[in-house]
Amino acid sequence: MKKVEYTVSPVPCSARPIRFDTSLCIGCGRCARVCQCDVLVPPAEKGKGHPPVVMYPGECYYCGACVMVCPVKGAIRLEHPLMNQAKFVPVIPQK
């Protein structure tokens, strides 16, 4: 099998949808493989503390597939943009 090397640079974006806790991440790359919109690029080095690179943060669908497939709870966190964060207040019926 021929090894292919490539170089890329993360695309700057104000959104930071995916956050990794490097103290918990085991660097398995499952999140990069399951990402539906190819936002994540597998880590160059596999192993503890080497999370994937969030290459195209503005393209994230916030589907949560990366969080669900991660074998370590808390290693990946999704952060929705402020405008998407809504707090629903229950309506109290008038008497």
C-alpha atoms as a PDB file:
ATOM      1  CA  MET A   1       0.000   0.000   0.000  1.00  0.00           C
ATOM      2  CA  LYS A   2       1.362   3.381  -1.001  1.00  0.00           C
ATOM      3  CA  LYS A   3       1.606   5.968   1.777  1.00  0.00           C
ATOM      4  CA  VAL A   4       0.198   9.358   0.862  1.00  0.00           C
ATOM      5  CA  GLU A   5       1.249  12.478   2.732  1.00  0.00           C
ATOM      6  CA  TYR A   6      -0.566  15.764   2.663  1.00  0.00           C
ATOM      7  CA  THR A   7      -0.351  19.100   4.396  1.00  0.00           C
ATOM      8  CA  VAL A   8      -3.262  21.288   5.330  1.00  0.00           C
ATOM      9  CA  SER A   9      -3.839  24.321   7.485  1.00  0.00           C
ATOM     10  CA  PRO A  10      -6.879  24.896   9.683  1.00  0.00           C
ATOM     11  CA  VAL A  11      -9.360  27.370   8.205  1.00  0.00           C
ATOM     12  CA  PRO A  12      -9.833  30.356  10.529  1.00  0.00           C
ATOM     13  CA  CYS A  13     -13.370  30.772  11.839  1.00  0.00           C
ATOM     14  CA  SER A  14     -15.023  32.506  14.782  1.00  0.00           C
ATOM     15  CA  ALA A  15     -16.983  29.330  15.608  1.00  0.00           C
ATOM     16  CA  ARG A  16     -15.338  26.709  17.821  1.00  0.00           C
ATOM     17  CA  PRO A  17     -17.898  23.899  17.697  1.00  0.00           C
ATOM     18  CA  ILE A  18     -15.737  21.018  18.865  1.00  0.00           C
ATOM     19  CA  ARG A  19     -13.552  21.168  21.946  1.00  0.00           C
ATOM     20  CA  PHE A  20     -11.239  18.399  23.106  1.00  0.00           C
ATOM     21  CA  ASP A  21     -10.009  17.747  26.626  1.00  0.00           C
ATOM     22  CA  THR A  22      -6.466  16.602  25.868  1.00  0.00           C
ATOM     23  CA  SER A  23      -6.123  15.098  29.334  1.00  0.00           C
ATOM     24  CA  LEU A  24      -8.949  12.672  28.471  1.00  0.00           C
ATOM     25  CA  CYS A  25      -8.552  12.198  24.687  1.00  0.00           C
ATOM     26  CA  ILE A  26      -6.879   8.891  23.794  1.00  0.00           C
ATOM     27  CA  GLY A  27      -6.226   9.956  20.186  1.00  0.00           C
ATOM     28  CA  CYS A  28      -8.081   7.019  18.622  1.00  0.00           C
ATOM     29  CA  GLY A  29      -9.467   9.109  15.724  1.00  0.00           C
ATOM     30  CA  ARG A  30     -12.963   7.566  15.844  1.00  0.00           C
ATOM     31  CA  CYS A  31     -14.523  11.030  15.892  1.00  0.00           C
ATOM     32  CA  ALA A  32     -12.711  11.992  12.667  1.00  0.00           C
ATOM     33  CA  ARG A  33     -13.863   8.798  10.940  1.00  0.00           C
ATOM     34  CA  VAL A  34     -17.525   9.298  11.896  1.00  0.00           C
ATOM     35  CA  CYS A  35     -17.732  13.042  11.109  1.00  0.00           C
ATOM     36  CA  GLN A  36     -20.363  13.461   8.398  1.00  0.00           C
ATOM     37  CA  CYS A  37     -19.003  16.737   7.047  1.00  0.00           C
ATOM     38  CA  ASP A  38     -15.270  16.020   7.339  1.00  0.00           C
ATOM     39  CA  VAL A  39     -14.642  18.815   9.821  1.00  0.00           C
ATOM     40  CA  LEU A  40     -12.045  16.720  11.663  1.00  0.00           C
ATOM     41  CA  VAL A  41      -8.709  15.486  10.340  1.00  0.00           C
ATOM     42  CA  PRO A  42      -7.212  12.458  12.154  1.00  0.00           C
ATOM     43  CA  PRO A  43      -4.309  13.211  14.478  1.00  0.00           C
ATOM     44  CA  ALA A  44      -0.813  12.947  13.017  1.00  0.00           C
ATOM     45  CA  GLU A  45       0.179  10.885  16.072  1.00  0.00           C
ATOM     46  CA  LYS A  46      -2.178   8.406  17.650  1.00  0.00           C
ATOM     47  CA  GLY A  47      -2.216   8.166  21.386  1.00  0.00           C
ATOM     48  CA  LYS A  48      -3.090   9.962  24.589  1.00  0.00           C
ATOM     49  CA  GLY A  49      -3.439  13.714  24.267  1.00  0.00           C
ATOM     50  CA  HIS A  50      -3.402  13.840  20.456  1.00  0.00           C
ATOM     51  CA  PRO A  51      -6.916  14.842  19.358  1.00  0.00           C
ATOM     52  CA  PRO A  52      -7.886  15.315  15.701  1.00  0.00           C
ATOM     53  CA  VAL A  53      -7.478  18.752  14.155  1.00  0.00           C
ATOM     54  CA  VAL A  54     -10.690  20.759  13.758  1.00  0.00           C
ATOM     55  CA  MET A  55      -9.941  21.758  10.182  1.00  0.00           C
ATOM     56  CA  TYR A  56     -13.210  23.325   8.996  1.00  0.00           C
ATOM     57  CA  PRO A  57     -15.100  24.521  12.096  1.00  0.00           C
ATOM     58  CA  GLY A  58     -17.612  26.587  10.125  1.00  0.00           C
ATOM     59  CA  GLU A  59     -18.853  23.445   8.351  1.00  0.00           C
ATOM     60  CA  CYS A  60     -19.907  21.606  11.539  1.00  0.00           C
ATOM     61  CA  TYR A  61     -23.573  20.456  11.598  1.00  0.00           C
ATOM     62  CA  TYR A  62     -23.533  20.065  15.405  1.00  0.00           C
ATOM     63  CA  CYS A  63     -24.915  16.549  14.923  1.00  0.00           C
ATOM     64  CA  GLY A  64     -23.027  15.148  17.923  1.00  0.00           C
ATOM     65  CA  ALA A  65     -21.825  11.994  16.135  1.00  0.00           C
ATOM     66  CA  CYS A  66     -18.249  12.665  17.288  1.00  0.00           C
ATOM     67  CA  VAL A  67     -19.355  12.941  20.920  1.00  0.00           C
ATOM     68  CA  MET A  68     -21.475   9.779  20.703  1.00  0.00           C
ATOM     69  CA  VAL A  69     -18.729   7.616  19.150  1.00  0.00           C
ATOM     70  CA  CYS A  70     -16.017   8.728  21.576  1.00  0.00           C
ATOM     71  CA  PRO A  71     -15.102   5.911  23.984  1.00  0.00           C
ATOM     72  CA  VAL A  72     -14.050   8.370  26.735  1.00  0.00           C
ATOM     73  CA  LYS A  73     -16.843  10.377  28.324  1.00  0.00           C
ATOM     74  CA  GLY A  74     -16.030  14.085  28.419  1.00  0.00           C
ATOM     75  CA  ALA A  75     -13.131  13.989  25.956  1.00  0.00           C
ATOM     76  CA  ILE A  76     -15.161  15.841  23.284  1.00  0.00           C
ATOM     77  CA  ARG A  77     -17.601  18.668  23.881  1.00  0.00           C
ATOM     78  CA  LEU A  78     -19.867  20.427  21.379  1.00  0.00           C
ATOM     79  CA  GLU A  79     -20.415  24.132  21.876  1.00  0.00           C
ATOM     80  CA  HIS A  80     -23.262  25.652  19.920  1.00  0.00           C
ATOM     81  CA  PRO A  81     -22.953  29.291  18.836  1.00  0.00           C
ATOM     82  CA  LEU A  82     -24.561  31.773  21.202  1.00  0.00           C
ATOM     83  CA  MET A  83     -27.346  32.554  18.725  1.00  0.00           C
ATOM     84  CA  ASN A  84     -28.311  28.842  18.687  1.00  0.00           C
ATOM     85  CA  GLN A  85     -28.412  28.530  22.457  1.00  0.00           C
ATOM     86  CA  ALA A  86     -31.961  29.035  23.578  1.00  0.00           C
ATOM     87  CA  LYS A  87     -33.513  28.820  26.981  1.00  0.00           C
ATOM     88  CA  PHE A  88     -37.135  27.820  26.932  1.00  0.00           C
ATOM     89  CA  VAL A  89     -39.197  29.251  29.729  1.00  0.00           C
ATOM     90  CA  PRO A  90     -42.351  27.351  30.627  1.00  0.00           C
ATOM     91  CA  VAL A  91     -45.557  29.275  30.057  1.00  0.00           C
ATOM     92  CA  ILE A  92     -47.561  29.690  33.258  1.00  0.00           C
ATOM     93  CA  PRO A  93     -51.289  29.618  32.515  1.00  0.00           C
ATOM     94  CA  GLN A  94     -53.251  32.700  33.532  1.00  0.00           C
ATOM     95  CA  LYS A  95     -55.946  32.148  36.155  1.00  0.00           C
END
